[in-house]
Amino acid sequence: MPVLNAEEAENVLVLNLDSEPGYSGVENTLYQEDFVIPIWGDAAETVPELAARFRH
């Protein structure tokens, strides 16, 4: 899914397995931005952990 105008956001959460390039082989420069909060790992683990943080 494309991210539009991410540079205008105060913070951007990125949930992805890792920071490696995808099928296209192109690195995602968004990952290096200061406003990006990366959460790397398997979604089966990271999404429930993130949801639990919001519930507290």
C-alpha atoms as a PDB file:
ATOM      1  CA  MET A   1       0.000   0.000   0.000  1.00  0.00           C
ATOM      2  CA  PRO A   2       1.516   3.378  -0.918  1.00  0.00           C
ATOM      3  CA  VAL A   3       2.175   5.940   1.786  1.00  0.00           C
ATOM      4  CA  LEU A   4       1.142   9.405   0.699  1.00  0.00           C
ATOM      5  CA  ASN A   5       2.543  12.594   2.237  1.00  0.00           C
ATOM      6  CA  ALA A   6       4.318  10.729   5.049  1.00  0.00           C
ATOM      7  CA  GLU A   7       6.786  13.617   5.278  1.00  0.00           C
ATOM      8  CA  GLU A   8       3.924  15.788   6.569  1.00  0.00           C
ATOM      9  CA  ALA A   9       3.230  13.485   9.531  1.00  0.00           C
ATOM     10  CA  GLU A  10       4.664  14.122  12.972  1.00  0.00           C
ATOM     11  CA  ASN A  11       5.446  10.409  13.340  1.00  0.00           C
ATOM     12  CA  VAL A  12       5.007   7.364  11.120  1.00  0.00           C
ATOM     13  CA  LEU A  13       4.810   3.816  12.456  1.00  0.00           C
ATOM     14  CA  VAL A  14       6.275   1.239  10.102  1.00  0.00           C
ATOM     15  CA  LEU A  15       5.375  -2.371  10.842  1.00  0.00           C
ATOM     16  CA  ASN A  16       7.335  -4.721   8.659  1.00  0.00           C
ATOM     17  CA  LEU A  17       9.225  -7.994   8.944  1.00  0.00           C
ATOM     18  CA  ASP A  18      12.585  -6.242   8.471  1.00  0.00           C
ATOM     19  CA  SER A  19      14.219  -3.299   6.745  1.00  0.00           C
ATOM     20  CA  GLU A  20      15.425  -5.337   3.760  1.00  0.00           C
ATOM     21  CA  PRO A  21      14.318  -4.344   0.261  1.00  0.00           C
ATOM     22  CA  GLY A  22      11.147  -6.052  -0.938  1.00  0.00           C
ATOM     23  CA  TYR A  23      10.395  -7.763  -4.225  1.00  0.00           C
ATOM     24  CA  SER A  24      11.579  -4.762  -6.216  1.00  0.00           C
ATOM     25  CA  GLY A  25      15.018  -4.848  -4.590  1.00  0.00           C
ATOM     26  CA  VAL A  26      14.812  -1.120  -3.840  1.00  0.00           C
ATOM     27  CA  GLU A  27      15.536   0.135  -0.315  1.00  0.00           C
ATOM     28  CA  ASN A  28      12.779   2.157   1.313  1.00  0.00           C
ATOM     29  CA  THR A  29      14.271   5.571   2.129  1.00  0.00           C
ATOM     30  CA  LEU A  30      11.359   6.283   4.479  1.00  0.00           C
ATOM     31  CA  TYR A  31      12.985   3.946   7.016  1.00  0.00           C
ATOM     32  CA  GLN A  32      15.883   6.405   7.501  1.00  0.00           C
ATOM     33  CA  GLU A  33      13.727   9.422   8.354  1.00  0.00           C
ATOM     34  CA  ASP A  34      13.882  10.763  11.930  1.00  0.00           C
ATOM     35  CA  PHE A  35      10.092  10.795  12.287  1.00  0.00           C
ATOM     36  CA  VAL A  36       9.736   7.092  11.462  1.00  0.00           C
ATOM     37  CA  ILE A  37       9.228   4.584  14.285  1.00  0.00           C
ATOM     38  CA  PRO A  38      10.061   1.142  12.905  1.00  0.00           C
ATOM     39  CA  ILE A  39       8.605  -1.978  14.501  1.00  0.00           C
ATOM     40  CA  TRP A  40      10.335  -4.961  12.929  1.00  0.00           C
ATOM     41  CA  GLY A  41       9.168  -8.542  13.244  1.00  0.00           C
ATOM     42  CA  ASP A  42       6.476 -11.080  12.498  1.00  0.00           C
ATOM     43  CA  ALA A  43       3.021  -9.470  12.495  1.00  0.00           C
ATOM     44  CA  ALA A  44       1.647 -12.370  14.552  1.00  0.00           C
ATOM     45  CA  GLU A  45       3.821 -11.102  17.411  1.00  0.00           C
ATOM     46  CA  THR A  46       4.248  -7.372  16.821  1.00  0.00           C
ATOM     47  CA  VAL A  47       0.614  -6.418  16.158  1.00  0.00           C
ATOM     48  CA  PRO A  48      -0.764  -7.926  19.408  1.00  0.00           C
ATOM     49  CA  GLU A  49       2.079  -6.281  21.369  1.00  0.00           C
ATOM     50  CA  LEU A  50       1.342  -2.909  19.792  1.00  0.00           C
ATOM     51  CA  ALA A  51      -2.413  -3.287  20.384  1.00  0.00           C
ATOM     52  CA  ALA A  52      -1.749  -4.127  24.048  1.00  0.00           C
ATOM     53  CA  ARG A  53       0.228  -0.878  24.447  1.00  0.00           C
ATOM     54  CA  PHE A  54      -2.740   1.131  23.200  1.00  0.00           C
ATOM     55  CA  ARG A  55      -5.124  -0.607  25.587  1.00  0.00           C
ATOM     56  CA  HIS A  56      -3.162   0.548  28.666  1.00  0.00           C
END
